[in-house]
Amino acid sequence: MYVYLHTKSSEHMTIGNFELNNIYNIDCVEGMKLLPDNCIDLVITSPPYDDLRDYNGYKFDYQKIANQLYRVIKEGGIVVWIVGDKIKNGNKSLTSFKQALFFQEIGFNVHDVMIYQKKNTPFMRLNAYTNCYEFMFIFAKGKPNTFNPLKTKTVRNGVEKLVANKKSDGINKKVVGELKKEKTLTNIWDYAVGLGGSTNDKIAFEHTAIFPEKLANDHIMSWTNENDIVFDPMSGSGTTCKMAKINNRKFLGMEISKEYTELSIKRLKLLEHQLF
């Protein structure tokens, strides 16, 4: 088992057999067995699915991963599970829904089904509309402990007559009310992908499938507070861990590939030069 310490903090905190603010080269199922129950605030991860990428020859058992995640996540903790579906012979696999239903079966609440929309996807189909999204399933262990809703400016604001108490007769009844200057975002989030979109770290693209830094950032800000513990059991190029560090969260990463573990450490070392 390889461990790469990259934090410059003199404060060393541990959970189970692991020191926080590190990424470990280990199979996450075996790694999570070494964590105590109810110790993680937030998980953000994107597992390989449907063999769409050759993940250095490794395979993943999502059921074993899900069971361990349920054990280690705190009551009120959140798992953000980013996944899509393979299209073969014109037929979608629906792997995403199969996995979501399993999470629900073992005790998670499906708190939300969000969409990660890619602004500049190049993948076009001849006889169907261009697929431009993946699901972001928000699994909660009970009622979420934290929700810091991200906001956007409203087109209109101020006092005006607003539709209220519309019933089955379809008649609009209006009352004087106030439109706020901001409103909570919808559950469809769109991001540019590729260099300059997902990240400016060129080395990150040595990994075959990365998700945008801002996506990880937005979930971290939504579901955690400072000093909470953010965990990525399939940390890949280290995006989740990087954004946790930037936002003053403690983090832990596990990655089965030694190559990708070393890649993520390079990214975090680049970040240290920027932060210190």
Protein backbone atom coordinates (compact mmCIF):
# COMPACT_ATOMS: atom_id res chain seq x y z
CA MET A 1 0.00 0.00 0.00
CA TYR A 2 1.47 3.32 -1.09
CA VAL A 3 0.71 6.51 0.79
CA TYR A 4 1.68 9.98 -0.35
CA LEU A 5 1.76 12.75 2.23
CA HIS A 6 1.39 16.16 0.65
CA THR A 7 -0.04 18.45 3.32
CA LYS A 8 2.25 21.07 4.82
CA SER A 9 0.21 21.19 8.02
CA SER A 10 1.95 20.05 11.18
CA GLU A 11 -1.38 18.75 12.51
CA HIS A 12 -1.73 15.05 11.72
CA MET A 13 -5.25 13.68 12.14
CA THR A 14 -6.22 10.09 11.51
CA ILE A 15 -9.35 8.06 10.93
CA GLY A 16 -8.91 4.33 11.31
CA ASN A 17 -5.63 3.30 9.71
CA PHE A 18 -5.39 6.42 7.58
CA GLU A 19 -3.93 9.87 8.02
CA LEU A 20 -6.16 12.59 6.66
CA ASN A 21 -5.15 14.88 3.80
CA ASN A 22 -3.58 11.99 1.94
CA ILE A 23 -4.31 9.79 -1.04
CA TYR A 24 -3.62 6.07 -0.61
CA ASN A 25 -2.90 3.54 -3.34
CA ILE A 26 -5.33 0.84 -2.26
CA ASP A 27 -8.46 -1.00 -3.38
CA CYS A 28 -11.21 1.12 -1.83
CA VAL A 29 -13.26 -1.87 -0.63
CA GLU A 30 -10.29 -3.15 1.37
CA GLY A 31 -9.38 0.39 2.40
CA MET A 32 -12.83 1.24 3.71
CA LYS A 33 -12.77 -1.89 5.88
CA LEU A 34 -10.01 -0.12 7.82
CA LEU A 35 -12.20 2.93 8.50
CA PRO A 36 -14.52 3.19 11.51
CA ASP A 37 -18.29 3.44 11.20
CA ASN A 38 -19.86 6.87 10.65
CA CYS A 39 -16.67 8.86 10.04
CA ILE A 40 -17.14 10.60 6.65
CA ASP A 41 -19.22 13.74 5.99
CA LEU A 42 -19.24 13.73 2.18
CA VAL A 43 -18.26 11.40 -0.64
CA ILE A 44 -17.82 12.69 -4.18
CA THR A 45 -16.82 10.02 -6.67
CA SER A 46 -17.31 8.84 -10.23
CA PRO A 47 -16.84 5.08 -10.59
CA PRO A 48 -15.88 3.47 -13.88
CA TYR A 49 -19.05 2.13 -15.46
CA ASP A 50 -19.94 -0.14 -18.37
CA ASP A 51 -16.28 -0.60 -19.34
CA LEU A 52 -16.35 2.70 -21.26
CA ARG A 53 -12.71 3.22 -20.25
CA ASP A 54 -9.91 0.69 -19.86
CA TYR A 55 -9.16 1.52 -16.24
CA ASN A 56 -5.67 0.01 -16.21
CA GLY A 57 -7.25 -3.43 -16.21
CA TYR A 58 -9.06 -2.99 -12.87
CA LYS A 59 -12.69 -3.97 -12.26
CA PHE A 60 -15.08 -2.50 -9.70
CA ASP A 61 -17.82 -4.16 -7.65
CA TYR A 62 -20.25 -1.31 -7.02
CA GLN A 63 -22.31 -3.36 -4.58
CA LYS A 64 -19.38 -3.97 -2.24
CA ILE A 65 -18.38 -0.31 -2.58
CA ALA A 66 -21.93 0.87 -1.81
CA ASN A 67 -22.18 -1.32 1.29
CA GLN A 68 -18.91 0.02 2.68
CA LEU A 69 -19.94 3.60 1.87
CA TYR A 70 -23.15 3.15 3.85
CA ARG A 71 -21.14 1.97 6.83
CA VAL A 72 -18.51 4.73 6.84
CA ILE A 73 -20.73 7.71 5.98
CA LYS A 74 -22.03 9.64 8.98
CA GLU A 75 -25.70 9.86 9.84
CA GLY A 76 -26.80 12.83 7.76
CA GLY A 77 -23.84 12.42 5.41
CA ILE A 78 -24.04 12.58 1.62
CA VAL A 79 -22.69 10.46 -1.23
CA VAL A 80 -22.48 12.15 -4.66
CA TRP A 81 -22.34 9.30 -7.18
CA ILE A 82 -21.57 10.51 -10.72
CA VAL A 83 -22.35 7.95 -13.39
CA GLY A 84 -23.79 7.52 -16.87
CA ASP A 85 -24.83 4.74 -19.25
CA LYS A 86 -23.26 2.93 -22.15
CA ILE A 87 -25.13 2.87 -25.45
CA LYS A 88 -24.64 -0.40 -27.36
CA ASN A 89 -26.55 -1.33 -30.49
CA GLY A 90 -28.90 1.58 -29.88
CA ASN A 91 -29.75 0.38 -26.37
CA LYS A 92 -28.88 2.25 -23.14
CA SER A 93 -27.61 0.01 -20.36
CA LEU A 94 -29.38 1.90 -17.52
CA THR A 95 -26.46 0.96 -15.28
CA SER A 96 -26.96 4.29 -13.52
CA PHE A 97 -30.49 3.40 -12.37
CA LYS A 98 -29.52 -0.14 -11.39
CA GLN A 99 -26.83 1.28 -9.14
CA ALA A 100 -29.14 3.94 -7.69
CA LEU A 101 -31.78 1.35 -6.85
CA PHE A 102 -29.17 -0.77 -5.07
CA PHE A 103 -28.07 2.21 -2.96
CA GLN A 104 -31.71 2.70 -2.03
CA GLU A 105 -32.16 -0.98 -1.17
CA ILE A 106 -29.31 -0.97 1.35
CA GLY A 107 -30.66 2.03 3.24
CA PHE A 108 -29.67 5.25 1.48
CA ASN A 109 -32.30 7.86 0.69
CA VAL A 110 -32.20 9.03 -2.92
CA HIS A 111 -32.19 12.66 -1.81
CA ASP A 112 -31.94 14.03 -5.35
CA VAL A 113 -31.23 13.00 -8.93
CA MET A 114 -29.16 15.77 -10.42
CA ILE A 115 -27.84 16.26 -13.94
CA TYR A 116 -24.24 17.09 -14.88
CA GLN A 117 -24.63 18.70 -18.31
CA LYS A 118 -21.55 19.05 -20.51
CA LYS A 119 -21.54 22.29 -22.47
CA ASN A 120 -19.19 21.18 -25.21
CA THR A 121 -19.58 17.44 -25.64
CA PRO A 122 -18.21 16.12 -28.96
CA PHE A 123 -20.05 12.77 -28.94
CA MET A 124 -22.78 12.78 -31.57
CA ARG A 125 -25.21 10.02 -32.60
CA LEU A 126 -26.53 9.59 -36.13
CA ASN A 127 -30.11 8.71 -35.23
CA ALA A 128 -30.61 10.35 -31.83
CA TYR A 129 -29.95 13.64 -30.08
CA THR A 130 -26.46 14.28 -28.78
CA ASN A 131 -25.96 12.85 -25.31
CA CYS A 132 -24.56 15.63 -23.12
CA TYR A 133 -25.10 14.58 -19.51
CA GLU A 134 -24.36 12.22 -16.65
CA PHE A 135 -26.35 11.67 -13.49
CA MET A 136 -25.25 12.95 -10.10
CA PHE A 137 -27.18 10.82 -7.63
CA ILE A 138 -27.33 12.42 -4.20
CA PHE A 139 -27.61 9.61 -1.64
CA ALA A 140 -28.24 10.59 1.97
CA LYS A 141 -27.90 8.50 5.10
CA GLY A 142 -31.01 9.89 6.75
CA LYS A 143 -31.74 13.61 6.66
CA PRO A 144 -28.77 15.68 5.36
CA ASN A 145 -26.81 17.42 8.12
CA THR A 146 -25.77 20.31 5.89
CA PHE A 147 -27.23 22.12 2.92
CA ASN A 148 -25.74 25.42 1.85
CA PRO A 149 -27.75 26.15 -1.31
CA LEU A 150 -25.92 27.77 -4.19
CA LYS A 151 -27.75 30.83 -5.51
CA THR A 152 -28.22 32.63 -8.79
CA LYS A 153 -29.56 36.11 -9.51
CA THR A 154 -33.23 36.39 -10.46
CA VAL A 155 -34.28 38.11 -13.69
CA ARG A 156 -36.80 40.25 -11.78
CA ASN A 157 -36.99 41.29 -8.16
CA GLY A 158 -39.05 43.56 -5.99
CA VAL A 159 -42.73 43.74 -4.97
CA GLU A 160 -45.40 42.66 -7.46
CA LYS A 161 -48.51 40.50 -7.74
CA LEU A 162 -47.63 36.81 -7.66
CA VAL A 163 -49.64 33.69 -8.43
CA ALA A 164 -50.67 31.97 -5.19
CA ASN A 165 -52.86 29.09 -4.05
CA LYS A 166 -53.66 27.78 -7.53
CA LYS A 167 -56.13 24.91 -7.17
CA SER A 168 -57.60 22.22 -9.40
CA ASP A 169 -59.96 24.72 -11.07
CA GLY A 170 -56.90 26.23 -12.74
CA ILE A 171 -57.80 29.80 -11.77
CA ASN A 172 -54.81 32.01 -11.02
CA LYS A 173 -55.18 33.90 -7.77
CA LYS A 174 -52.68 36.68 -7.27
CA VAL A 175 -51.45 38.32 -4.11
CA VAL A 176 -48.84 40.99 -3.53
CA GLY A 177 -45.48 39.42 -2.74
CA GLU A 178 -41.77 40.01 -3.02
CA LEU A 179 -39.47 38.46 -5.60
CA LYS A 180 -36.06 37.89 -4.06
CA LYS A 181 -32.85 39.08 -5.70
CA GLU A 182 -31.48 35.53 -5.61
CA LYS A 183 -32.92 32.05 -5.95
CA THR A 184 -31.58 28.56 -5.34
CA LEU A 185 -30.07 26.83 -8.37
CA THR A 186 -31.96 24.08 -10.16
CA ASN A 187 -30.63 20.51 -9.97
CA ILE A 188 -29.22 20.67 -13.51
CA TRP A 189 -25.65 21.98 -13.43
CA ASP A 190 -23.74 22.69 -16.62
CA TYR A 191 -19.97 22.82 -16.99
CA ALA A 192 -17.49 23.23 -19.82
CA VAL A 193 -15.24 20.20 -20.17
CA GLY A 194 -11.71 19.77 -21.48
CA LEU A 195 -8.63 21.90 -20.84
CA GLY A 196 -9.67 25.26 -19.43
CA GLY A 197 -13.11 23.88 -18.63
CA SER A 198 -12.67 20.86 -16.39
CA THR A 199 -9.30 22.14 -15.18
CA ASN A 200 -6.23 24.12 -16.20
CA ASP A 201 -3.97 21.28 -14.95
CA LYS A 202 -2.65 19.74 -18.17
CA ILE A 203 -1.33 16.71 -16.32
CA ALA A 204 -4.86 15.82 -15.17
CA PHE A 205 -5.61 14.62 -18.70
CA GLU A 206 -3.18 11.75 -18.24
CA HIS A 207 -6.28 10.23 -16.62
CA THR A 208 -8.85 8.93 -19.11
CA ALA A 209 -11.97 10.36 -17.45
CA ILE A 210 -12.01 13.45 -15.23
CA PHE A 211 -14.89 15.58 -14.03
CA PRO A 212 -14.74 19.39 -13.70
CA GLU A 213 -13.13 20.95 -10.65
CA LYS A 214 -16.09 23.32 -10.32
CA LEU A 215 -18.47 20.37 -10.11
CA ALA A 216 -16.55 19.00 -7.11
CA ASN A 217 -16.29 22.51 -5.67
CA ASP A 218 -20.05 23.11 -5.92
CA HIS A 219 -20.92 19.87 -4.13
CA ILE A 220 -18.33 20.49 -1.41
CA MET A 221 -19.77 23.94 -0.78
CA SER A 222 -23.34 22.60 -0.83
CA TRP A 223 -23.05 19.63 1.53
CA THR A 224 -20.19 20.43 3.93
CA ASN A 225 -18.72 23.10 6.17
CA GLU A 226 -15.08 23.90 6.86
CA ASN A 227 -13.08 21.08 8.51
CA ASP A 228 -15.61 18.43 7.48
CA ILE A 229 -14.13 15.26 5.96
CA VAL A 230 -14.50 14.74 2.21
CA PHE A 231 -13.72 11.27 0.82
CA ASP A 232 -13.20 9.96 -2.70
CA PRO A 233 -12.84 6.15 -2.75
CA MET A 234 -11.95 6.14 -6.46
CA SER A 235 -9.97 9.35 -6.52
CA GLY A 236 -8.59 9.06 -10.05
CA SER A 237 -6.75 12.27 -10.91
CA GLY A 238 -7.43 13.77 -7.47
CA THR A 239 -10.04 16.40 -8.37
CA THR A 240 -12.21 15.88 -5.28
CA CYS A 241 -9.22 15.97 -2.94
CA LYS A 242 -7.82 19.08 -4.62
CA MET A 243 -11.05 21.03 -4.26
CA ALA A 244 -11.50 19.87 -0.65
CA LYS A 245 -8.06 21.25 0.16
CA ILE A 246 -8.79 24.57 -1.54
CA ASN A 247 -12.01 24.90 0.49
CA ASN A 248 -10.45 24.09 3.88
CA ARG A 249 -11.98 20.65 4.21
CA LYS A 250 -10.11 17.61 5.42
CA PHE A 251 -9.87 14.92 2.78
CA LEU A 252 -9.03 11.30 2.13
CA GLY A 253 -8.52 9.64 -1.22
CA MET A 254 -8.17 5.99 -2.20
CA GLU A 255 -7.08 4.91 -5.66
CA ILE A 256 -6.46 1.36 -6.86
CA SER A 257 -4.07 2.40 -9.65
CA LYS A 258 -0.54 3.31 -8.57
CA GLU A 259 -0.15 5.33 -11.77
CA TYR A 260 -3.21 7.46 -11.07
CA THR A 261 -2.29 7.84 -7.42
CA GLU A 262 1.06 9.32 -8.44
CA LEU A 263 -0.70 11.55 -10.98
CA SER A 264 -3.04 12.97 -8.33
CA ILE A 265 -0.12 13.67 -6.00
CA LYS A 266 1.59 15.65 -8.76
CA ARG A 267 -1.57 17.79 -9.09
CA LEU A 268 -1.72 18.40 -5.36
CA LYS A 269 1.94 19.37 -5.23
CA LEU A 270 1.29 21.89 -8.00
CA LEU A 271 -1.54 23.25 -5.88
CA GLU A 272 0.73 23.61 -2.85
CA HIS A 273 3.05 25.84 -4.84
CA GLN A 274 0.05 28.03 -5.67
CA LEU A 275 -1.32 28.17 -2.11
CA PHE A 276 1.86 28.63 -0.08
